[in-house]
Amino acid sequence: MAKARRQKPTKPRRDKKGGPGSGRRKPCLFCKDKIDHVDYKDVTTLRRFTSERGKIRSRRITGLCRRHQSQVANAVKRARELALVPYAAEPANEGVGRGGRRDRDRDRD
């Protein structure tokens, strides 16, 4: 006869709902709307794929496919060249933070 197995104490399995690393990817907006080519003149669409600082967002965040992500990157770069989209956003508060002068003249007295 075969040996009887000892049963391990069962742990409740983790639910796979949401949270970090959930398996479901966002659908590509351009593939969903069946758009072949990203237009560099469509500034409102391009702003969705750049951060408030002016950086191009990654595929992981935008949910675009590889083909359309590279088209968006090229369109943003072209729009920057033609001054349709800024290279970088203006800083919120100048002089505060790193490397500010902070009244150097006052220290000399």
Protein backbone atom coordinates (compact mmCIF):
# COMPACT_ATOMS: atom_id res chain seq x y z
CA MET A 1 0.00 0.00 0.00
CA ALA A 2 0.99 3.57 -0.62
CA LYS A 3 1.84 5.92 2.20
CA ALA A 4 -0.76 8.46 3.14
CA ARG A 5 0.39 12.01 2.38
CA ARG A 6 0.52 14.61 5.05
CA GLN A 7 -1.57 17.57 4.12
CA LYS A 8 0.12 20.94 4.34
CA PRO A 9 -1.79 23.73 6.02
CA THR A 10 -3.50 25.57 3.20
CA LYS A 11 -2.85 29.28 2.79
CA PRO A 12 -5.43 31.46 1.13
CA ARG A 13 -4.24 32.26 -2.39
CA ARG A 14 -3.65 35.84 -3.36
CA ASP A 15 -6.32 37.28 -5.57
CA LYS A 16 -5.07 38.43 -8.95
CA LYS A 17 -7.34 41.48 -9.01
CA GLY A 18 -5.68 44.82 -9.77
CA GLY A 19 -2.76 46.01 -7.75
CA PRO A 20 0.79 46.45 -8.94
CA GLY A 21 1.68 44.15 -11.79
CA SER A 22 -1.83 43.22 -12.76
CA GLY A 23 -1.75 41.19 -15.95
CA ARG A 24 -4.09 43.29 -18.06
CA ARG A 25 -2.47 45.85 -20.39
CA LYS A 26 -4.18 48.99 -21.62
CA PRO A 27 -5.22 48.73 -25.26
CA CYS A 28 -3.31 50.93 -27.70
CA LEU A 29 -5.43 54.01 -28.42
CA PHE A 30 -4.28 54.25 -32.02
CA CYS A 31 -4.81 50.55 -32.77
CA LYS A 32 -8.25 50.69 -31.15
CA ASP A 33 -9.28 53.64 -33.35
CA LYS A 34 -7.50 52.08 -36.36
CA ILE A 35 -5.21 55.08 -36.85
CA ASP A 36 -2.25 54.23 -39.06
CA HIS A 37 0.02 57.21 -38.51
CA VAL A 38 0.42 59.66 -35.61
CA ASP A 39 0.13 63.28 -36.73
CA TYR A 40 2.71 65.70 -35.30
CA LYS A 41 0.30 68.65 -35.79
CA ASP A 42 -2.27 67.16 -33.40
CA VAL A 43 -0.93 68.89 -30.29
CA THR A 44 -3.78 67.88 -27.96
CA THR A 45 -3.14 64.20 -28.63
CA LEU A 46 0.62 64.61 -28.21
CA ARG A 47 0.17 66.37 -24.85
CA ARG A 48 -1.48 63.21 -23.51
CA PHE A 49 1.78 61.33 -24.07
CA THR A 50 4.09 63.87 -22.42
CA SER A 51 4.46 64.59 -18.74
CA GLU A 52 3.88 67.99 -17.16
CA ARG A 53 7.65 68.50 -17.31
CA GLY A 54 7.63 67.84 -21.07
CA LYS A 55 9.15 64.35 -21.04
CA ILE A 56 7.80 61.64 -23.32
CA ARG A 57 5.99 59.02 -21.25
CA SER A 58 6.94 55.35 -21.53
CA ARG A 59 4.92 52.55 -23.11
CA ARG A 60 4.19 51.09 -19.72
CA ILE A 61 2.36 54.27 -18.72
CA THR A 62 0.75 55.25 -22.03
CA GLY A 63 -0.36 51.73 -22.97
CA LEU A 64 0.67 52.15 -26.61
CA CYS A 65 2.01 49.36 -28.77
CA ARG A 66 5.66 49.42 -29.84
CA ARG A 67 4.92 50.78 -33.32
CA HIS A 68 2.73 53.66 -32.18
CA GLN A 69 4.98 54.53 -29.23
CA SER A 70 7.89 55.14 -31.59
CA GLN A 71 5.61 57.17 -33.89
CA VAL A 72 4.47 59.27 -30.92
CA ALA A 73 8.09 59.84 -29.86
CA ASN A 74 9.04 60.98 -33.37
CA ALA A 75 5.92 63.17 -33.62
CA VAL A 76 6.69 64.85 -30.27
CA LYS A 77 10.28 65.48 -31.36
CA ARG A 78 9.11 66.96 -34.67
CA ALA A 79 6.49 69.11 -32.92
CA ARG A 80 9.19 70.38 -30.55
CA GLU A 81 11.36 71.39 -33.51
CA LEU A 82 8.47 73.37 -34.99
CA ALA A 83 7.68 74.95 -31.58
CA LEU A 84 4.23 73.36 -31.38
CA VAL A 85 5.13 71.61 -28.11
CA PRO A 86 7.66 72.97 -25.56
CA TYR A 87 10.89 71.10 -24.92
CA ALA A 88 10.45 71.49 -21.18
CA ALA A 89 7.84 73.09 -18.99
CA GLU A 90 8.77 76.21 -17.08
CA PRO A 91 9.71 75.58 -13.45
CA ALA A 92 6.98 76.37 -10.94
CA ASN A 93 9.15 78.42 -8.57
CA GLU A 94 12.51 79.81 -9.60
CA GLY A 95 15.37 80.35 -7.18
CA VAL A 96 14.09 77.95 -4.55
CA GLY A 97 15.77 74.59 -4.22
CA ARG A 98 19.09 73.46 -5.56
CA GLY A 99 21.89 75.91 -6.25
CA GLY A 100 19.98 79.13 -5.60
CA ARG A 101 22.04 82.20 -4.70
CA ARG A 102 20.25 82.75 -1.37
CA ASP A 103 21.66 86.14 -0.38
CA ARG A 104 25.38 85.50 -0.75
CA ASP A 105 26.11 89.20 -0.37
CA ARG A 106 24.67 89.17 3.14
CA ASP A 107 27.28 86.59 4.23
CA ARG A 108 30.19 88.81 3.14
CA ASP A 109 29.55 91.54 5.73
